[in-house]
Amino acid sequence: GGEEANLFARDLYEMYRAFAPGQGWKFELLEGTESDMGGYTAVTFTMSGDNVWSRMKFEAGVHRVQRVPVTESQGRIHTSSATVSVLPEAQEVDVQIDDNDLQIDVYRASGPGGQSVNTTDSAVRITHKPTGVVVSMQDEKSQLQNKAKALRVLRSRILQAEQDRQAAEASEQRKSQMGGGGRSEKIRTYNFKENRVSDHRINLTIHKLDRVLGGDLGDVSDALLHDDQQRRLAGDDV
């Protein structure tokens, strides 16, 4: 805990920053709160590119380090941890509207006082049945034009609702990922004395900790991705 955990958080940050270029990803630091000894009490960054989420989602959880801290004068090994939270960006949400989910009603547009503006059913009301969002449009004289405008408005409203839902879900996801920081929730251990990295979810142990922290995360990432694919093929919940 304490300063050692902050220094380890810096190590993890540097590991991900070094890992990104080899994957062809863009890495950007958003904000970081540095500790007195140059560690991070908190740091936020973005990674963008192909297959970022499919790989980085496995990094979420408690990472444990076992080493002699620079602040330790007796040479004793300490255990500390840092929690990594991984979230997709909200603007990546794409709105797909299935025609089968739409109820489209046409009627005659009405002006002030309720009188009919024209003699054709040019006004359109579209109901998106899964969400209950309703949009009515009668600005244009053509039914097709009103329908097109109504669909644009409908799509933007559904997008807003989906982004609101995702934001709430991401908040819950962040809470679950952060957990209590307890050792029982650890996903991976970094043991400096043995130059060992162990991922406890797939029982993977490799003895090249220095290379992993230097950004050579490929073997661990590949193994996690392979395990995930195998469980999906087997029909297990993931």
C-alpha atoms as a PDB file:
ATOM      1  CA  GLY A   1       0.000   0.000   0.000  1.00  0.00           C
ATOM      2  CA  GLY A   2       0.940   3.653   0.246  1.00  0.00           C
ATOM      3  CA  GLU A   3       3.821   4.968  -1.822  1.00  0.00           C
ATOM      4  CA  GLU A   4       4.776   1.515  -3.076  1.00  0.00           C
ATOM      5  CA  ALA A   5       1.288   1.077  -4.583  1.00  0.00           C
ATOM      6  CA  ASN A   6       1.629   4.476  -6.261  1.00  0.00           C
ATOM      7  CA  LEU A   7       4.978   3.488  -7.769  1.00  0.00           C
ATOM      8  CA  PHE A   8       3.489   0.212  -9.000  1.00  0.00           C
ATOM      9  CA  ALA A   9       0.613   2.131 -10.602  1.00  0.00           C
ATOM     10  CA  ARG A  10       3.268   4.096 -12.502  1.00  0.00           C
ATOM     11  CA  ASP A  11       4.874   0.808 -13.606  1.00  0.00           C
ATOM     12  CA  LEU A  12       1.539  -0.440 -14.959  1.00  0.00           C
ATOM     13  CA  TYR A  13       0.930   2.846 -16.750  1.00  0.00           C
ATOM     14  CA  GLU A  14       4.360   2.641 -18.406  1.00  0.00           C
ATOM     15  CA  MET A  15       3.693  -1.004 -19.347  1.00  0.00           C
ATOM     16  CA  TYR A  16       0.484  -0.120 -21.183  1.00  0.00           C
ATOM     17  CA  ARG A  17       2.071   2.926 -22.808  1.00  0.00           C
ATOM     18  CA  ALA A  18       4.890   0.733 -24.160  1.00  0.00           C
ATOM     19  CA  PHE A  19       2.465  -2.022 -25.221  1.00  0.00           C
ATOM     20  CA  ALA A  20       0.251   0.251 -27.358  1.00  0.00           C
ATOM     21  CA  PRO A  21       2.609   1.119 -30.273  1.00  0.00           C
ATOM     22  CA  GLY A  22       3.356  -2.527 -31.015  1.00  0.00           C
ATOM     23  CA  GLN A  23      -0.375  -3.113 -31.435  1.00  0.00           C
ATOM     24  CA  GLY A  24      -0.719  -0.115 -33.714  1.00  0.00           C
ATOM     25  CA  TRP A  25      -2.761   1.743 -31.097  1.00  0.00           C
ATOM     26  CA  LYS A  26      -2.796   5.413 -30.218  1.00  0.00           C
ATOM     27  CA  PHE A  27      -2.079   6.161 -26.554  1.00  0.00           C
ATOM     28  CA  GLU A  28      -3.005   9.426 -24.863  1.00  0.00           C
ATOM     29  CA  LEU A  29      -2.581  10.490 -21.238  1.00  0.00           C
ATOM     30  CA  LEU A  30      -5.665  12.369 -20.040  1.00  0.00           C
ATOM     31  CA  GLU A  31      -4.794  13.112 -16.441  1.00  0.00           C
ATOM     32  CA  GLY A  32      -2.502  11.849 -13.721  1.00  0.00           C
ATOM     33  CA  THR A  33      -2.053  12.671 -10.048  1.00  0.00           C
ATOM     34  CA  GLU A  34       1.585  12.139  -9.123  1.00  0.00           C
ATOM     35  CA  SER A  35       2.769  11.108  -5.669  1.00  0.00           C
ATOM     36  CA  ASP A  36       5.773  12.547  -3.840  1.00  0.00           C
ATOM     37  CA  MET A  37       8.118   9.885  -5.220  1.00  0.00           C
ATOM     38  CA  GLY A  38       6.902  10.029  -8.814  1.00  0.00           C
ATOM     39  CA  GLY A  39       4.252   7.331  -8.653  1.00  0.00           C
ATOM     40  CA  TYR A  40       0.590   7.766  -9.498  1.00  0.00           C
ATOM     41  CA  THR A  41      -2.215   7.928  -6.953  1.00  0.00           C
ATOM     42  CA  ALA A  42      -4.538   7.929  -9.981  1.00  0.00           C
ATOM     43  CA  VAL A  43      -4.009   8.099 -13.741  1.00  0.00           C
ATOM     44  CA  THR A  44      -6.415   8.115 -16.691  1.00  0.00           C
ATOM     45  CA  PHE A  45      -5.478   7.443 -20.308  1.00  0.00           C
ATOM     46  CA  THR A  46      -7.088   6.410 -23.584  1.00  0.00           C
ATOM     47  CA  MET A  47      -6.051   3.760 -26.075  1.00  0.00           C
ATOM     48  CA  SER A  48      -7.603   3.683 -29.531  1.00  0.00           C
ATOM     49  CA  GLY A  49      -7.197   1.426 -32.553  1.00  0.00           C
ATOM     50  CA  ASP A  50      -8.197  -1.996 -33.836  1.00  0.00           C
ATOM     51  CA  ASN A  51      -9.212  -4.596 -31.232  1.00  0.00           C
ATOM     52  CA  VAL A  52      -8.324  -2.398 -28.247  1.00  0.00           C
ATOM     53  CA  TRP A  53     -11.400  -3.375 -26.238  1.00  0.00           C
ATOM     54  CA  SER A  54     -11.165  -7.095 -27.068  1.00  0.00           C
ATOM     55  CA  ARG A  55      -7.677  -7.205 -25.533  1.00  0.00           C
ATOM     56  CA  MET A  56      -7.627  -4.489 -22.895  1.00  0.00           C
ATOM     57  CA  LYS A  57     -10.854  -5.574 -21.184  1.00  0.00           C
ATOM     58  CA  PHE A  58      -8.867  -8.424 -19.596  1.00  0.00           C
ATOM     59  CA  GLU A  59      -6.639  -5.906 -17.796  1.00  0.00           C
ATOM     60  CA  ALA A  60      -9.480  -4.769 -15.541  1.00  0.00           C
ATOM     61  CA  GLY A  61      -9.083  -5.836 -11.934  1.00  0.00           C
ATOM     62  CA  VAL A  62      -6.574  -5.910  -9.081  1.00  0.00           C
ATOM     63  CA  HIS A  63      -2.894  -6.263 -10.011  1.00  0.00           C
ATOM     64  CA  ARG A  64      -0.593  -7.376  -7.167  1.00  0.00           C
ATOM     65  CA  VAL A  65       3.123  -6.673  -6.852  1.00  0.00           C
ATOM     66  CA  GLN A  66       5.612  -8.485  -4.595  1.00  0.00           C
ATOM     67  CA  ARG A  67       9.004  -6.795  -4.232  1.00  0.00           C
ATOM     68  CA  VAL A  68      11.329  -4.922  -1.899  1.00  0.00           C
ATOM     69  CA  PRO A  69      10.120  -1.307  -1.967  1.00  0.00           C
ATOM     70  CA  VAL A  70      12.625   1.510  -2.384  1.00  0.00           C
ATOM     71  CA  THR A  71      11.364   2.774   0.974  1.00  0.00           C
ATOM     72  CA  GLU A  72      12.203  -0.540   2.709  1.00  0.00           C
ATOM     73  CA  SER A  73      15.452  -0.356   4.691  1.00  0.00           C
ATOM     74  CA  GLN A  74      15.384  -3.942   6.004  1.00  0.00           C
ATOM     75  CA  GLY A  75      15.242  -5.610   2.573  1.00  0.00           C
ATOM     76  CA  ARG A  76      11.872  -7.219   3.230  1.00  0.00           C
ATOM     77  CA  ILE A  77       9.495  -8.088   0.401  1.00  0.00           C
ATOM     78  CA  HIS A  78       6.200  -6.234   0.564  1.00  0.00           C
ATOM     79  CA  THR A  79       2.932  -6.952  -1.219  1.00  0.00           C
ATOM     80  CA  SER A  80       0.979  -4.042  -2.675  1.00  0.00           C
ATOM     81  CA  SER A  81      -1.738  -3.710  -5.278  1.00  0.00           C
ATOM     82  CA  ALA A  82      -3.142  -1.339  -7.868  1.00  0.00           C
ATOM     83  CA  THR A  83      -6.571  -1.508  -9.475  1.00  0.00           C
ATOM     84  CA  VAL A  84      -7.069  -1.111 -13.224  1.00  0.00           C
ATOM     85  CA  SER A  85     -10.445  -0.084 -14.632  1.00  0.00           C
ATOM     86  CA  VAL A  86     -11.124  -0.460 -18.381  1.00  0.00           C
ATOM     87  CA  LEU A  87     -14.131   1.175 -20.025  1.00  0.00           C
ATOM     88  CA  PRO A  88     -15.213   1.679 -23.653  1.00  0.00           C
ATOM     89  CA  GLU A  89     -15.803   5.268 -24.713  1.00  0.00           C
ATOM     90  CA  ALA A  90     -19.484   6.239 -24.920  1.00  0.00           C
ATOM     91  CA  GLN A  91     -19.248   7.847 -28.349  1.00  0.00           C
ATOM     92  CA  GLU A  92     -18.469   4.469 -29.865  1.00  0.00           C
ATOM     93  CA  VAL A  93     -22.123   3.523 -29.413  1.00  0.00           C
ATOM     94  CA  ASP A  94     -23.778   2.986 -32.785  1.00  0.00           C
ATOM     95  CA  VAL A  95     -27.552   3.179 -33.207  1.00  0.00           C
ATOM     96  CA  GLN A  96     -29.058   0.428 -35.334  1.00  0.00           C
ATOM     97  CA  ILE A  97     -32.802   0.689 -35.888  1.00  0.00           C
ATOM     98  CA  ASP A  98     -34.623  -2.431 -37.041  1.00  0.00           C
ATOM     99  CA  ASP A  99     -37.628  -1.678 -39.245  1.00  0.00           C
ATOM    100  CA  ASN A 100     -39.514  -4.404 -37.392  1.00  0.00           C
ATOM    101  CA  ASP A 101     -39.188  -2.333 -34.207  1.00  0.00           C
ATOM    102  CA  LEU A 102     -40.991   0.637 -35.735  1.00  0.00           C
ATOM    103  CA  GLN A 103     -44.692   1.425 -35.755  1.00  0.00           C
ATOM    104  CA  ILE A 104     -45.389   4.072 -38.397  1.00  0.00           C
ATOM    105  CA  ASP A 105     -48.722   5.898 -38.467  1.00  0.00           C
ATOM    106  CA  VAL A 106     -49.685   8.409 -41.151  1.00  0.00           C
ATOM    107  CA  TYR A 107     -52.401  11.028 -40.817  1.00  0.00           C
ATOM    108  CA  ARG A 108     -53.442  14.363 -42.207  1.00  0.00           C
ATOM    109  CA  ALA A 109     -51.433  17.285 -40.947  1.00  0.00           C
ATOM    110  CA  SER A 110     -53.438  19.768 -38.918  1.00  0.00           C
ATOM    111  CA  GLY A 111     -52.989  23.503 -38.518  1.00  0.00           C
ATOM    112  CA  PRO A 112     -54.196  25.899 -35.826  1.00  0.00           C
ATOM    113  CA  GLY A 113     -57.623  24.985 -34.521  1.00  0.00           C
ATOM    114  CA  GLY A 114     -57.267  21.450 -35.759  1.00  0.00           C
ATOM    115  CA  GLN A 115     -58.306  22.083 -39.355  1.00  0.00           C
ATOM    116  CA  SER A 116     -56.709  19.896 -41.994  1.00  0.00           C
ATOM    117  CA  VAL A 117     -53.768  21.505 -43.767  1.00  0.00           C
ATOM    118  CA  ASN A 118     -54.029  19.292 -46.826  1.00  0.00           C
ATOM    119  CA  THR A 119     -56.054  16.416 -48.158  1.00  0.00           C
ATOM    120  CA  THR A 120     -53.318  13.773 -48.060  1.00  0.00           C
ATOM    121  CA  ASP A 121     -51.938  11.747 -45.165  1.00  0.00           C
ATOM    122  CA  SER A 122     -48.573  13.543 -45.134  1.00  0.00           C
ATOM    123  CA  ALA A 123     -47.964  13.696 -41.373  1.00  0.00           C
ATOM    124  CA  VAL A 124     -46.000  10.834 -39.822  1.00  0.00           C
ATOM    125  CA  ARG A 125     -45.761   9.470 -36.282  1.00  0.00           C
ATOM    126  CA  ILE A 126     -43.080   6.864 -35.610  1.00  0.00           C
ATOM    127  CA  THR A 127     -42.972   4.777 -32.438  1.00  0.00           C
ATOM    128  CA  HIS A 128     -39.833   2.816 -31.544  1.00  0.00           C
ATOM    129  CA  LYS A 129     -41.429  -0.117 -29.749  1.00  0.00           C
ATOM    130  CA  PRO A 130     -38.411  -1.348 -27.719  1.00  0.00           C
ATOM    131  CA  THR A 131     -37.800   2.050 -26.104  1.00  0.00           C
ATOM    132  CA  GLY A 132     -41.220   3.699 -26.381  1.00  0.00           C
ATOM    133  CA  VAL A 133     -39.707   6.780 -28.048  1.00  0.00           C
ATOM    134  CA  VAL A 134     -42.309   8.567 -30.209  1.00  0.00           C
ATOM    135  CA  VAL A 135     -41.590  11.218 -32.849  1.00  0.00           C
ATOM    136  CA  SER A 136     -44.229  13.065 -34.872  1.00  0.00           C
ATOM    137  CA  MET A 137     -43.412  15.155 -37.949  1.00  0.00           C
ATOM    138  CA  GLN A 138     -45.652  17.237 -40.197  1.00  0.00           C
ATOM    139  CA  ASP A 139     -43.368  20.098 -41.261  1.00  0.00           C
ATOM    140  CA  GLU A 140     -43.061  18.934 -44.853  1.00  0.00           C
ATOM    141  CA  LYS A 141     -45.793  18.482 -47.446  1.00  0.00           C
ATOM    142  CA  SER A 142     -44.432  15.093 -48.473  1.00  0.00           C
ATOM    143  CA  GLN A 143     -44.990  12.000 -46.353  1.00  0.00           C
ATOM    144  CA  LEU A 144     -41.559  10.669 -47.383  1.00  0.00           C
ATOM    145  CA  GLN A 145     -39.841  13.880 -46.266  1.00  0.00           C
ATOM    146  CA  ASN A 146     -41.670  13.856 -42.932  1.00  0.00           C
ATOM    147  CA  LYS A 147     -40.748  10.205 -42.425  1.00  0.00           C
ATOM    148  CA  ALA A 148     -37.066  10.896 -43.170  1.00  0.00           C
ATOM    149  CA  LYS A 149     -36.969  13.818 -40.726  1.00  0.00           C
ATOM    150  CA  ALA A 150     -38.807  11.823 -38.063  1.00  0.00           C
ATOM    151  CA  LEU A 151     -36.298   8.967 -38.391  1.00  0.00           C
ATOM    152  CA  ARG A 152     -33.380  11.380 -37.952  1.00  0.00           C
ATOM    153  CA  VAL A 153     -34.923  12.789 -34.782  1.00  0.00           C
ATOM    154  CA  LEU A 154     -35.791   9.289 -33.565  1.00  0.00           C
ATOM    155  CA  ARG A 155     -32.242   8.071 -34.111  1.00  0.00           C
ATOM    156  CA  SER A 156     -30.741  10.983 -32.170  1.00  0.00           C
ATOM    157  CA  ARG A 157     -33.153  10.437 -29.271  1.00  0.00           C
ATOM    158  CA  ILE A 158     -32.393   6.727 -29.147  1.00  0.00           C
ATOM    159  CA  LEU A 159     -28.664   7.506 -29.262  1.00  0.00           C
ATOM    160  CA  GLN A 160     -29.026   9.862 -26.308  1.00  0.00           C
ATOM    161  CA  ALA A 161     -31.002   7.257 -24.365  1.00  0.00           C
ATOM    162  CA  GLU A 162     -28.394   4.595 -25.186  1.00  0.00           C
ATOM    163  CA  GLN A 163     -25.534   6.848 -24.119  1.00  0.00           C
ATOM    164  CA  ASP A 164     -27.335   7.616 -20.853  1.00  0.00           C
ATOM    165  CA  ARG A 165     -27.845   3.890 -20.285  1.00  0.00           C
ATOM    166  CA  GLN A 166     -24.217   3.112 -21.121  1.00  0.00           C
ATOM    167  CA  ALA A 167     -22.972   5.839 -18.801  1.00  0.00           C
ATOM    168  CA  ALA A 168     -24.976   4.325 -15.940  1.00  0.00           C
ATOM    169  CA  GLU A 169     -23.731   0.840 -16.836  1.00  0.00           C
ATOM    170  CA  ALA A 170     -20.134   2.055 -17.058  1.00  0.00           C
ATOM    171  CA  SER A 171     -20.462   3.588 -13.613  1.00  0.00           C
ATOM    172  CA  GLU A 172     -21.590   0.238 -12.204  1.00  0.00           C
ATOM    173  CA  GLN A 173     -18.875  -1.559 -14.175  1.00  0.00           C
ATOM    174  CA  ARG A 174     -16.234   0.746 -12.753  1.00  0.00           C
ATOM    175  CA  LYS A 175     -17.481   0.069  -9.227  1.00  0.00           C
ATOM    176  CA  SER A 176     -17.391  -3.688  -9.777  1.00  0.00           C
ATOM    177  CA  GLN A 177     -13.912  -3.524 -11.323  1.00  0.00           C
ATOM    178  CA  MET A 178     -12.549  -1.414  -8.514  1.00  0.00           C
ATOM    179  CA  GLY A 179     -13.909  -3.855  -5.948  1.00  0.00           C
ATOM    180  CA  GLY A 180     -12.509  -3.520  -2.496  1.00  0.00           C
ATOM    181  CA  GLY A 181      -8.904  -3.785  -3.613  1.00  0.00           C
ATOM    182  CA  GLY A 182      -8.560  -6.925  -1.535  1.00  0.00           C
ATOM    183  CA  ARG A 183      -5.985  -9.573  -2.350  1.00  0.00           C
ATOM    184  CA  SER A 184      -8.695 -12.182  -2.897  1.00  0.00           C
ATOM    185  CA  GLU A 185      -9.814 -10.266  -6.000  1.00  0.00           C
ATOM    186  CA  LYS A 186      -6.395 -10.216  -7.662  1.00  0.00           C
ATOM    187  CA  ILE A 187      -6.197 -11.116 -11.342  1.00  0.00           C
ATOM    188  CA  ARG A 188      -2.411 -11.045 -11.739  1.00  0.00           C
ATOM    189  CA  THR A 189       0.726 -11.088  -9.587  1.00  0.00           C
ATOM    190  CA  TYR A 190       4.086  -9.528 -10.461  1.00  0.00           C
ATOM    191  CA  ASN A 191       6.870 -11.105  -8.353  1.00  0.00           C
ATOM    192  CA  PHE A 192      10.176  -9.276  -8.780  1.00  0.00           C
ATOM    193  CA  LYS A 193      12.391 -11.728  -6.868  1.00  0.00           C
ATOM    194  CA  GLU A 194      11.353 -14.586  -9.173  1.00  0.00           C
ATOM    195  CA  ASN A 195      11.036 -12.379 -12.304  1.00  0.00           C
ATOM    196  CA  ARG A 196       7.556 -13.919 -12.501  1.00  0.00           C
ATOM    197  CA  VAL A 197       4.170 -12.822 -13.813  1.00  0.00           C
ATOM    198  CA  SER A 198       1.195 -15.036 -12.920  1.00  0.00           C
ATOM    199  CA  ASP A 199      -2.311 -14.527 -14.293  1.00  0.00           C
ATOM    200  CA  HIS A 200      -4.596 -16.282 -11.842  1.00  0.00           C
ATOM    201  CA  ARG A 201      -7.647 -16.461 -14.130  1.00  0.00           C
ATOM    202  CA  ILE A 202      -6.005 -18.843 -16.600  1.00  0.00           C
ATOM    203  CA  ASN A 203      -3.221 -20.283 -14.408  1.00  0.00           C
ATOM    204  CA  LEU A 204      -0.551 -18.757 -16.646  1.00  0.00           C
ATOM    205  CA  THR A 205       2.945 -18.174 -15.257  1.00  0.00           C
ATOM    206  CA  ILE A 206       5.838 -16.719 -17.229  1.00  0.00           C
ATOM    207  CA  HIS A 207       9.299 -15.793 -15.961  1.00  0.00           C
ATOM    208  CA  LYS A 208       9.974 -12.588 -17.839  1.00  0.00           C
ATOM    209  CA  LEU A 209       8.544  -9.892 -15.594  1.00  0.00           C
ATOM    210  CA  ASP A 210      11.102  -7.338 -16.779  1.00  0.00           C
ATOM    211  CA  ARG A 211       9.984  -7.744 -20.388  1.00  0.00           C
ATOM    212  CA  VAL A 212       6.286  -7.688 -19.516  1.00  0.00           C
ATOM    213  CA  LEU A 213       6.603  -4.429 -17.584  1.00  0.00           C
ATOM    214  CA  GLY A 214       8.639  -3.134 -20.514  1.00  0.00           C
ATOM    215  CA  GLY A 215       5.582  -3.500 -22.728  1.00  0.00           C
ATOM    216  CA  ASP A 216       5.983  -7.101 -23.930  1.00  0.00           C
ATOM    217  CA  LEU A 217       2.471  -8.047 -22.862  1.00  0.00           C
ATOM    218  CA  GLY A 218       1.716 -10.056 -26.001  1.00  0.00           C
ATOM    219  CA  ASP A 219       2.023 -13.575 -24.557  1.00  0.00           C
ATOM    220  CA  VAL A 220      -0.265 -12.776 -21.628  1.00  0.00           C
ATOM    221  CA  SER A 221      -2.755 -10.907 -23.808  1.00  0.00           C
ATOM    222  CA  ASP A 222      -2.813 -13.673 -26.437  1.00  0.00           C
ATOM    223  CA  ALA A 223      -3.391 -16.343 -23.786  1.00  0.00           C
ATOM    224  CA  LEU A 224      -6.302 -14.420 -22.253  1.00  0.00           C
ATOM    225  CA  LEU A 225      -7.850 -13.807 -25.670  1.00  0.00           C
ATOM    226  CA  HIS A 226      -7.456 -17.483 -26.609  1.00  0.00           C
ATOM    227  CA  ASP A 227      -9.036 -18.611 -23.336  1.00  0.00           C
ATOM    228  CA  ASP A 228     -11.955 -16.229 -23.878  1.00  0.00           C
ATOM    229  CA  GLN A 229     -12.512 -17.519 -27.418  1.00  0.00           C
ATOM    230  CA  GLN A 230     -12.392 -21.139 -26.263  1.00  0.00           C
ATOM    231  CA  ARG A 231     -14.974 -20.499 -23.552  1.00  0.00           C
ATOM    232  CA  ARG A 232     -17.226 -18.722 -26.039  1.00  0.00           C
ATOM    233  CA  LEU A 233     -17.010 -21.687 -28.402  1.00  0.00           C
ATOM    234  CA  ALA A 234     -17.838 -23.977 -25.496  1.00  0.00           C
ATOM    235  CA  GLY A 235     -20.874 -21.841 -24.726  1.00  0.00           C
ATOM    236  CA  ASP A 236     -19.717 -20.746 -21.280  1.00  0.00           C
ATOM    237  CA  ASP A 237     -20.771 -17.419 -19.849  1.00  0.00           C
ATOM    238  CA  VAL A 238     -18.096 -14.738 -20.194  1.00  0.00           C
END
